[in-house]
Amino acid sequence: MRENAPLAQPRDLAVALSLLTRLPLSLPDHAYARGAASAWAWPLVGLVVAGLAATVALIAQAVGIPYHLSALLALATLVLITGAMHEDGLADLADGFWGGFAPARRLEIMRDSRIGAYGVIALALSLGLRGTALATLETTMIAALFASAALSRASMAATMRALPNARTDGLSHSTGRPAARSVALAAGLALLSALLLCGWAGLWAALAALGVMAATQALARAKIGGQTGDVLGATQQLTEIAALLALTAAL
């Protein structure tokens, strides 16, 4: 992305939704020229996705389904709307980072469509921790859904900016690198959302997400020298977990 390009355009949210979800959006090819520029809107995508998941949870609760089951329904909705792309990234990262002994081999494993033991374990832990955290929050589950979704997607934008591409092809490479001001706006929107929804507990969630994001970036740099789409997906998953865990302690 050119640093002097417009910071935001009306179509950016639609582009971001098309990139990060499986919602049926039809956009002209030239709209994706602002793929990286739309990074400022990624937290808004999180709010949209969380809104749909929250709606499912609230309907479930209204008909008498208990909190722990409505939490799982909300989690299933998150997975379905995004096409499990972030979960897939986490599984690929786990398999590649711990299944290979050299950067090239790790990248090769991450591109393999098959899943290994590390990926299965990572997925089980991610789904288990997120589902349990949401169920534990009970009446504050909805606010936590929104806050964690926004914060985790801002972390993807920040990681995309902070690390170079580890590949010369792939979705992350073709999307481009967001400008610093786009990342700053994304971070501001995510933090504001967390504070408005969760009060000062939102700050603790943001700090937890920030710490896990930094650790994930350092690991990616050490293992493969940069980021890929799988790294971004894994970052979303790990920071969402961190934010939810922080909220279970603070709310």
C-alpha atoms as a PDB file:
ATOM      1  CA  MET A   1       0.000   0.000   0.000  1.00  0.00           C
ATOM      2  CA  ARG A   2       1.251   3.505  -0.771  1.00  0.00           C
ATOM      3  CA  GLU A   3       1.720   5.520   2.418  1.00  0.00           C
ATOM      4  CA  ASN A   4       0.027   8.541   0.792  1.00  0.00           C
ATOM      5  CA  ALA A   5      -3.075   6.593  -0.303  1.00  0.00           C
ATOM      6  CA  PRO A   6      -6.414   7.633   1.247  1.00  0.00           C
ATOM      7  CA  LEU A   7      -6.674   6.327   4.788  1.00  0.00           C
ATOM      8  CA  ALA A   8     -10.257   5.108   4.451  1.00  0.00           C
ATOM      9  CA  GLN A   9     -12.818   4.662   1.726  1.00  0.00           C
ATOM     10  CA  PRO A  10     -16.499   3.633   2.009  1.00  0.00           C
ATOM     11  CA  ARG A  11     -15.890   0.312   0.272  1.00  0.00           C
ATOM     12  CA  ASP A  12     -13.062  -0.715   2.629  1.00  0.00           C
ATOM     13  CA  LEU A  13     -15.385  -2.483   5.050  1.00  0.00           C
ATOM     14  CA  ALA A  14     -16.851  -4.571   2.231  1.00  0.00           C
ATOM     15  CA  VAL A  15     -13.335  -5.445   1.038  1.00  0.00           C
ATOM     16  CA  ALA A  16     -12.314  -6.394   4.567  1.00  0.00           C
ATOM     17  CA  LEU A  17     -15.429  -8.541   5.012  1.00  0.00           C
ATOM     18  CA  SER A  18     -14.713 -10.270   1.721  1.00  0.00           C
ATOM     19  CA  LEU A  19     -11.119 -11.006   2.753  1.00  0.00           C
ATOM     20  CA  LEU A  20     -11.805 -12.188   6.301  1.00  0.00           C
ATOM     21  CA  THR A  21     -15.197 -13.896   6.102  1.00  0.00           C
ATOM     22  CA  ARG A  22     -17.268 -16.162   3.888  1.00  0.00           C
ATOM     23  CA  LEU A  23     -20.169 -13.725   3.692  1.00  0.00           C
ATOM     24  CA  PRO A  24     -21.573 -13.651   0.125  1.00  0.00           C
ATOM     25  CA  LEU A  25     -20.235 -10.313  -1.092  1.00  0.00           C
ATOM     26  CA  SER A  26     -19.735  -9.501  -4.754  1.00  0.00           C
ATOM     27  CA  LEU A  27     -17.059  -6.904  -5.434  1.00  0.00           C
ATOM     28  CA  PRO A  28     -15.281  -5.903  -8.637  1.00  0.00           C
ATOM     29  CA  ASP A  29     -11.704  -7.126  -8.945  1.00  0.00           C
ATOM     30  CA  HIS A  30     -10.271  -3.608  -8.749  1.00  0.00           C
ATOM     31  CA  ALA A  31     -11.740  -3.194  -5.242  1.00  0.00           C
ATOM     32  CA  TYR A  32      -9.124  -5.588  -3.890  1.00  0.00           C
ATOM     33  CA  ALA A  33      -6.367  -3.148  -4.777  1.00  0.00           C
ATOM     34  CA  ARG A  34      -7.162  -1.728  -1.336  1.00  0.00           C
ATOM     35  CA  GLY A  35      -6.776  -5.086   0.384  1.00  0.00           C
ATOM     36  CA  ALA A  36      -4.028  -3.878   2.703  1.00  0.00           C
ATOM     37  CA  ALA A  37      -5.515  -0.404   2.915  1.00  0.00           C
ATOM     38  CA  SER A  38      -8.701  -1.932   4.309  1.00  0.00           C
ATOM     39  CA  ALA A  39      -6.790  -3.162   7.373  1.00  0.00           C
ATOM     40  CA  TRP A  40      -8.111  -0.227   9.405  1.00  0.00           C
ATOM     41  CA  ALA A  41     -11.572  -1.824   9.074  1.00  0.00           C
ATOM     42  CA  TRP A  42     -10.553  -5.296  10.255  1.00  0.00           C
ATOM     43  CA  PRO A  43     -11.735  -4.636  13.839  1.00  0.00           C
ATOM     44  CA  LEU A  44     -15.093  -3.622  12.338  1.00  0.00           C
ATOM     45  CA  VAL A  45     -15.194  -7.018  10.632  1.00  0.00           C
ATOM     46  CA  GLY A  46     -14.694  -8.492  14.080  1.00  0.00           C
ATOM     47  CA  LEU A  47     -17.678  -6.536  15.357  1.00  0.00           C
ATOM     48  CA  VAL A  48     -19.835  -7.717  12.458  1.00  0.00           C
ATOM     49  CA  VAL A  49     -18.846 -11.346  12.967  1.00  0.00           C
ATOM     50  CA  ALA A  50     -19.337 -11.058  16.723  1.00  0.00           C
ATOM     51  CA  GLY A  51     -22.729  -9.443  16.163  1.00  0.00           C
ATOM     52  CA  LEU A  52     -23.931 -12.455  14.193  1.00  0.00           C
ATOM     53  CA  ALA A  53     -22.543 -14.865  16.793  1.00  0.00           C
ATOM     54  CA  ALA A  54     -24.095 -12.820  19.602  1.00  0.00           C
ATOM     55  CA  THR A  55     -27.464 -12.932  17.854  1.00  0.00           C
ATOM     56  CA  VAL A  56     -27.331 -16.721  17.771  1.00  0.00           C
ATOM     57  CA  ALA A  57     -26.354 -16.830  21.453  1.00  0.00           C
ATOM     58  CA  LEU A  58     -29.132 -14.467  22.499  1.00  0.00           C
ATOM     59  CA  ILE A  59     -31.754 -16.402  20.547  1.00  0.00           C
ATOM     60  CA  ALA A  60     -30.531 -19.617  22.134  1.00  0.00           C
ATOM     61  CA  GLN A  61     -30.732 -18.107  25.610  1.00  0.00           C
ATOM     62  CA  ALA A  62     -34.205 -16.688  24.906  1.00  0.00           C
ATOM     63  CA  VAL A  63     -35.576 -20.164  24.191  1.00  0.00           C
ATOM     64  CA  GLY A  64     -34.062 -21.574  27.372  1.00  0.00           C
ATOM     65  CA  ILE A  65     -30.734 -22.964  26.194  1.00  0.00           C
ATOM     66  CA  PRO A  66     -28.199 -22.577  29.048  1.00  0.00           C
ATOM     67  CA  TYR A  67     -25.161 -20.303  28.858  1.00  0.00           C
ATOM     68  CA  HIS A  68     -22.596 -23.025  28.258  1.00  0.00           C
ATOM     69  CA  LEU A  69     -24.463 -24.344  25.220  1.00  0.00           C
ATOM     70  CA  SER A  70     -25.254 -20.893  23.830  1.00  0.00           C
ATOM     71  CA  ALA A  71     -21.535 -20.120  24.122  1.00  0.00           C
ATOM     72  CA  LEU A  72     -20.716 -23.131  21.964  1.00  0.00           C
ATOM     73  CA  LEU A  73     -23.345 -22.086  19.430  1.00  0.00           C
ATOM     74  CA  ALA A  74     -21.794 -18.616  19.292  1.00  0.00           C
ATOM     75  CA  LEU A  75     -18.363 -20.160  18.780  1.00  0.00           C
ATOM     76  CA  ALA A  76     -19.690 -22.401  16.008  1.00  0.00           C
ATOM     77  CA  THR A  77     -21.164 -19.316  14.336  1.00  0.00           C
ATOM     78  CA  LEU A  78     -17.779 -17.566  14.431  1.00  0.00           C
ATOM     79  CA  VAL A  79     -16.155 -20.572  12.780  1.00  0.00           C
ATOM     80  CA  LEU A  80     -18.815 -20.870  10.088  1.00  0.00           C
ATOM     81  CA  ILE A  81     -18.837 -17.174   9.154  1.00  0.00           C
ATOM     82  CA  THR A  82     -15.071 -17.059   8.711  1.00  0.00           C
ATOM     83  CA  GLY A  83     -14.900 -20.426   6.983  1.00  0.00           C
ATOM     84  CA  ALA A  84     -12.533 -21.568   9.765  1.00  0.00           C
ATOM     85  CA  MET A  85      -9.726 -19.713   7.973  1.00  0.00           C
ATOM     86  CA  HIS A  86      -8.158 -18.508  11.209  1.00  0.00           C
ATOM     87  CA  GLU A  87      -8.431 -21.948  12.814  1.00  0.00           C
ATOM     88  CA  ASP A  88      -6.806 -23.410   9.702  1.00  0.00           C
ATOM     89  CA  GLY A  89      -3.967 -20.913  10.062  1.00  0.00           C
ATOM     90  CA  LEU A  90      -3.401 -21.906  13.679  1.00  0.00           C
ATOM     91  CA  ALA A  91      -3.311 -25.601  12.789  1.00  0.00           C
ATOM     92  CA  ASP A  92      -0.906 -25.021   9.885  1.00  0.00           C
ATOM     93  CA  LEU A  93       1.364 -22.866  12.040  1.00  0.00           C
ATOM     94  CA  ALA A  94       1.506 -25.490  14.795  1.00  0.00           C
ATOM     95  CA  ASP A  95       2.319 -28.255  12.328  1.00  0.00           C
ATOM     96  CA  GLY A  96       4.923 -26.208  10.469  1.00  0.00           C
ATOM     97  CA  PHE A  97       6.689 -24.524  13.351  1.00  0.00           C
ATOM     98  CA  TRP A  98       7.099 -27.731  15.345  1.00  0.00           C
ATOM     99  CA  GLY A  99       7.180 -30.266  12.528  1.00  0.00           C
ATOM    100  CA  GLY A 100      10.086 -28.793  10.556  1.00  0.00           C
ATOM    101  CA  PHE A 101      13.692 -28.062  11.420  1.00  0.00           C
ATOM    102  CA  ALA A 102      14.432 -25.363   8.835  1.00  0.00           C
ATOM    103  CA  PRO A 103      12.435 -22.358   7.601  1.00  0.00           C
ATOM    104  CA  ALA A 104      11.929 -23.775   4.090  1.00  0.00           C
ATOM    105  CA  ARG A 105      10.657 -27.081   5.468  1.00  0.00           C
ATOM    106  CA  ARG A 106       8.353 -25.301   7.930  1.00  0.00           C
ATOM    107  CA  LEU A 107       6.837 -23.264   5.107  1.00  0.00           C
ATOM    108  CA  GLU A 108       6.400 -26.427   3.056  1.00  0.00           C
ATOM    109  CA  ILE A 109       4.543 -28.145   5.898  1.00  0.00           C
ATOM    110  CA  MET A 110       2.354 -25.092   6.472  1.00  0.00           C
ATOM    111  CA  ARG A 111       1.228 -25.239   2.841  1.00  0.00           C
ATOM    112  CA  ASP A 112       0.361 -28.954   3.063  1.00  0.00           C
ATOM    113  CA  SER A 113      -3.425 -29.414   3.212  1.00  0.00           C
ATOM    114  CA  ARG A 114      -3.069 -32.390   5.547  1.00  0.00           C
ATOM    115  CA  ILE A 115      -3.197 -31.833   9.301  1.00  0.00           C
ATOM    116  CA  GLY A 116      -0.798 -33.351  11.800  1.00  0.00           C
ATOM    117  CA  ALA A 117      -0.825 -34.032  15.513  1.00  0.00           C
ATOM    118  CA  TYR A 118       0.386 -30.532  16.425  1.00  0.00           C
ATOM    119  CA  GLY A 119      -2.399 -28.965  14.382  1.00  0.00           C
ATOM    120  CA  VAL A 120      -5.077 -31.173  15.934  1.00  0.00           C
ATOM    121  CA  ILE A 121      -3.866 -30.360  19.443  1.00  0.00           C
ATOM    122  CA  ALA A 122      -3.753 -26.620  18.672  1.00  0.00           C
ATOM    123  CA  LEU A 123      -7.317 -26.667  17.320  1.00  0.00           C
ATOM    124  CA  ALA A 124      -8.629 -28.634  20.284  1.00  0.00           C
ATOM    125  CA  LEU A 125      -7.010 -26.251  22.746  1.00  0.00           C
ATOM    126  CA  SER A 126      -8.212 -23.168  20.869  1.00  0.00           C
ATOM    127  CA  LEU A 127     -11.823 -24.303  20.635  1.00  0.00           C
ATOM    128  CA  GLY A 128     -11.805 -25.590  24.197  1.00  0.00           C
ATOM    129  CA  LEU A 129     -10.337 -22.435  25.710  1.00  0.00           C
ATOM    130  CA  ARG A 130     -12.558 -20.068  23.726  1.00  0.00           C
ATOM    131  CA  GLY A 131     -15.730 -22.045  24.374  1.00  0.00           C
ATOM    132  CA  THR A 132     -15.009 -22.451  28.073  1.00  0.00           C
ATOM    133  CA  ALA A 133     -14.098 -18.783  28.484  1.00  0.00           C
ATOM    134  CA  LEU A 134     -17.324 -17.639  26.814  1.00  0.00           C
ATOM    135  CA  ALA A 135     -19.391 -20.027  28.905  1.00  0.00           C
ATOM    136  CA  THR A 136     -17.673 -18.843  32.090  1.00  0.00           C
ATOM    137  CA  LEU A 137     -18.470 -15.201  31.317  1.00  0.00           C
ATOM    138  CA  GLU A 138     -22.247 -15.925  31.195  1.00  0.00           C
ATOM    139  CA  THR A 139     -24.028 -12.534  31.334  1.00  0.00           C
ATOM    140  CA  THR A 140     -20.948 -10.689  30.042  1.00  0.00           C
ATOM    141  CA  MET A 141     -20.408 -13.158  27.211  1.00  0.00           C
ATOM    142  CA  ILE A 142     -21.838 -10.847  24.544  1.00  0.00           C
ATOM    143  CA  ALA A 143     -19.586  -7.926  25.431  1.00  0.00           C
ATOM    144  CA  ALA A 144     -16.590 -10.264  25.507  1.00  0.00           C
ATOM    145  CA  LEU A 145     -17.474 -11.651  22.082  1.00  0.00           C
ATOM    146  CA  PHE A 146     -17.373  -8.178  20.552  1.00  0.00           C
ATOM    147  CA  ALA A 147     -14.244  -6.993  22.378  1.00  0.00           C
ATOM    148  CA  SER A 148     -12.150 -10.094  21.670  1.00  0.00           C
ATOM    149  CA  ALA A 149     -13.222 -10.181  18.016  1.00  0.00           C
ATOM    150  CA  ALA A 150     -12.188  -6.564  17.454  1.00  0.00           C
ATOM    151  CA  LEU A 151      -8.899  -6.790  19.349  1.00  0.00           C
ATOM    152  CA  SER A 152      -7.824 -10.026  17.661  1.00  0.00           C
ATOM    153  CA  ARG A 153      -8.371  -8.641  14.179  1.00  0.00           C
ATOM    154  CA  ALA A 154      -6.461  -5.465  14.957  1.00  0.00           C
ATOM    155  CA  SER A 155      -3.584  -7.733  15.972  1.00  0.00           C
ATOM    156  CA  MET A 156      -3.626  -9.274  12.504  1.00  0.00           C
ATOM    157  CA  ALA A 157      -3.204  -5.856  10.907  1.00  0.00           C
ATOM    158  CA  ALA A 158      -0.354  -5.001  13.281  1.00  0.00           C
ATOM    159  CA  THR A 159       1.421  -8.282  12.561  1.00  0.00           C
ATOM    160  CA  MET A 160       1.032  -7.807   8.825  1.00  0.00           C
ATOM    161  CA  ARG A 161       2.705  -4.409   9.194  1.00  0.00           C
ATOM    162  CA  ALA A 162       5.417  -5.490  11.650  1.00  0.00           C
ATOM    163  CA  LEU A 163       6.774  -8.542   9.827  1.00  0.00           C
ATOM    164  CA  PRO A 164       8.001  -8.991   6.261  1.00  0.00           C
ATOM    165  CA  ASN A 165       6.417 -11.613   4.025  1.00  0.00           C
ATOM    166  CA  ALA A 166       7.983 -15.020   4.502  1.00  0.00           C
ATOM    167  CA  ARG A 167       6.815 -16.085   1.027  1.00  0.00           C
ATOM    168  CA  THR A 168       6.896 -14.470  -2.397  1.00  0.00           C
ATOM    169  CA  ASP A 169       3.349 -15.672  -3.078  1.00  0.00           C
ATOM    170  CA  GLY A 170       0.182 -16.457  -1.132  1.00  0.00           C
ATOM    171  CA  LEU A 171      -2.766 -14.426   0.136  1.00  0.00           C
ATOM    172  CA  SER A 172      -0.815 -12.307   2.592  1.00  0.00           C
ATOM    173  CA  HIS A 173       1.783 -11.405  -0.028  1.00  0.00           C
ATOM    174  CA  SER A 174      -0.822 -10.552  -2.672  1.00  0.00           C
ATOM    175  CA  THR A 175      -2.858  -8.456  -0.222  1.00  0.00           C
ATOM    176  CA  GLY A 176       0.109  -6.213   0.524  1.00  0.00           C
ATOM    177  CA  ARG A 177       1.362  -4.453   3.624  1.00  0.00           C
ATOM    178  CA  PRO A 178      -0.858  -1.956   5.472  1.00  0.00           C
ATOM    179  CA  ALA A 179       0.389   1.550   6.191  1.00  0.00           C
ATOM    180  CA  ALA A 180       1.288   2.476   9.757  1.00  0.00           C
ATOM    181  CA  ARG A 181      -1.648   4.877   9.998  1.00  0.00           C
ATOM    182  CA  SER A 182      -4.091   2.137   8.939  1.00  0.00           C
ATOM    183  CA  VAL A 183      -2.735  -0.090  11.691  1.00  0.00           C
ATOM    184  CA  ALA A 184      -2.940   2.762  14.204  1.00  0.00           C
ATOM    185  CA  LEU A 185      -6.577   3.402  13.282  1.00  0.00           C
ATOM    186  CA  ALA A 186      -7.362  -0.315  13.583  1.00  0.00           C
ATOM    187  CA  ALA A 187      -5.739  -0.422  17.012  1.00  0.00           C
ATOM    188  CA  GLY A 188      -7.638   2.675  18.117  1.00  0.00           C
ATOM    189  CA  LEU A 189     -10.984   1.295  16.955  1.00  0.00           C
ATOM    190  CA  ALA A 190     -10.357  -2.041  18.657  1.00  0.00           C
ATOM    191  CA  LEU A 191      -9.282  -0.459  21.944  1.00  0.00           C
ATOM    192  CA  LEU A 192     -12.207   1.961  21.924  1.00  0.00           C
ATOM    193  CA  SER A 193     -14.607  -0.927  21.292  1.00  0.00           C
ATOM    194  CA  ALA A 194     -13.125  -2.957  24.143  1.00  0.00           C
ATOM    195  CA  LEU A 195     -13.311  -0.032  26.579  1.00  0.00           C
ATOM    196  CA  LEU A 196     -16.882   0.895  25.635  1.00  0.00           C
ATOM    197  CA  LEU A 197     -18.084  -2.683  25.884  1.00  0.00           C
ATOM    198  CA  CYS A 198     -16.132  -3.931  28.885  1.00  0.00           C
ATOM    199  CA  GLY A 199     -14.996  -0.851  30.781  1.00  0.00           C
ATOM    200  CA  TRP A 200     -11.516  -1.013  32.250  1.00  0.00           C
ATOM    201  CA  ALA A 201     -11.564  -4.785  31.838  1.00  0.00           C
ATOM    202  CA  GLY A 202     -11.252  -4.025  28.123  1.00  0.00           C
ATOM    203  CA  LEU A 203      -7.847  -2.478  28.784  1.00  0.00           C
ATOM    204  CA  TRP A 204      -6.627  -5.685  30.421  1.00  0.00           C
ATOM    205  CA  ALA A 205      -7.933  -7.640  27.442  1.00  0.00           C
ATOM    206  CA  ALA A 206      -6.063  -5.310  25.073  1.00  0.00           C
ATOM    207  CA  LEU A 207      -2.829  -5.673  27.052  1.00  0.00           C
ATOM    208  CA  ALA A 208      -3.161  -9.459  27.086  1.00  0.00           C
ATOM    209  CA  ALA A 209      -3.743  -9.485  23.334  1.00  0.00           C
ATOM    210  CA  LEU A 210      -0.771  -7.157  22.820  1.00  0.00           C
ATOM    211  CA  GLY A 211       1.550  -9.416  24.811  1.00  0.00           C
ATOM    212  CA  VAL A 212       0.499 -12.574  22.969  1.00  0.00           C
ATOM    213  CA  MET A 213       0.719 -10.780  19.622  1.00  0.00           C
ATOM    214  CA  ALA A 214       4.290  -9.699  20.360  1.00  0.00           C
ATOM    215  CA  ALA A 215       5.239 -13.239  21.373  1.00  0.00           C
ATOM    216  CA  THR A 216       3.681 -14.684  18.221  1.00  0.00           C
ATOM    217  CA  GLN A 217       5.519 -12.163  16.056  1.00  0.00           C
ATOM    218  CA  ALA A 218       8.820 -13.020  17.717  1.00  0.00           C
ATOM    219  CA  LEU A 219       8.187 -16.743  17.207  1.00  0.00           C
ATOM    220  CA  ALA A 220       7.275 -16.259  13.539  1.00  0.00           C
ATOM    221  CA  ARG A 221      10.384 -14.180  12.931  1.00  0.00           C
ATOM    222  CA  ALA A 222      12.566 -16.850  14.545  1.00  0.00           C
ATOM    223  CA  LYS A 223      10.901 -19.807  12.812  1.00  0.00           C
ATOM    224  CA  ILE A 224      10.310 -18.572   9.242  1.00  0.00           C
ATOM    225  CA  GLY A 225      11.674 -15.023   9.113  1.00  0.00           C
ATOM    226  CA  GLY A 226       8.337 -13.262   8.727  1.00  0.00           C
ATOM    227  CA  GLN A 227       4.608 -13.705   8.316  1.00  0.00           C
ATOM    228  CA  THR A 228       2.220 -15.610   6.069  1.00  0.00           C
ATOM    229  CA  GLY A 229      -1.548 -15.893   5.976  1.00  0.00           C
ATOM    230  CA  ASP A 230      -1.258 -18.795   8.407  1.00  0.00           C
ATOM    231  CA  VAL A 231       0.707 -16.637  10.840  1.00  0.00           C
ATOM    232  CA  LEU A 232      -1.979 -13.964  10.644  1.00  0.00           C
ATOM    233  CA  GLY A 233      -4.729 -16.517  11.250  1.00  0.00           C
ATOM    234  CA  ALA A 234      -2.877 -17.995  14.199  1.00  0.00           C
ATOM    235  CA  THR A 235      -2.319 -14.498  15.600  1.00  0.00           C
ATOM    236  CA  GLN A 236      -6.069 -13.885  15.490  1.00  0.00           C
ATOM    237  CA  GLN A 237      -6.770 -17.112  17.339  1.00  0.00           C
ATOM    238  CA  LEU A 238      -4.125 -16.669  20.005  1.00  0.00           C
ATOM    239  CA  THR A 239      -4.940 -13.034  20.743  1.00  0.00           C
ATOM    240  CA  GLU A 240      -8.657 -13.812  20.897  1.00  0.00           C
ATOM    241  CA  ILE A 241      -7.906 -16.497  23.489  1.00  0.00           C
ATOM    242  CA  ALA A 242      -5.720 -14.076  25.445  1.00  0.00           C
ATOM    243  CA  ALA A 243      -8.394 -11.383  25.423  1.00  0.00           C
ATOM    244  CA  LEU A 244     -11.119 -13.804  26.519  1.00  0.00           C
ATOM    245  CA  LEU A 245      -9.010 -15.205  29.347  1.00  0.00           C
ATOM    246  CA  ALA A 246      -8.199 -11.707  30.548  1.00  0.00           C
ATOM    247  CA  LEU A 247     -11.891 -10.846  30.507  1.00  0.00           C
ATOM    248  CA  THR A 248     -12.806 -13.933  32.546  1.00  0.00           C
ATOM    249  CA  ALA A 249     -10.450 -12.633  35.228  1.00  0.00           C
ATOM    250  CA  ALA A 250     -11.459  -8.969  35.025  1.00  0.00           C
ATOM    251  CA  LEU A 251     -15.232  -8.998  34.469  1.00  0.00           C
END
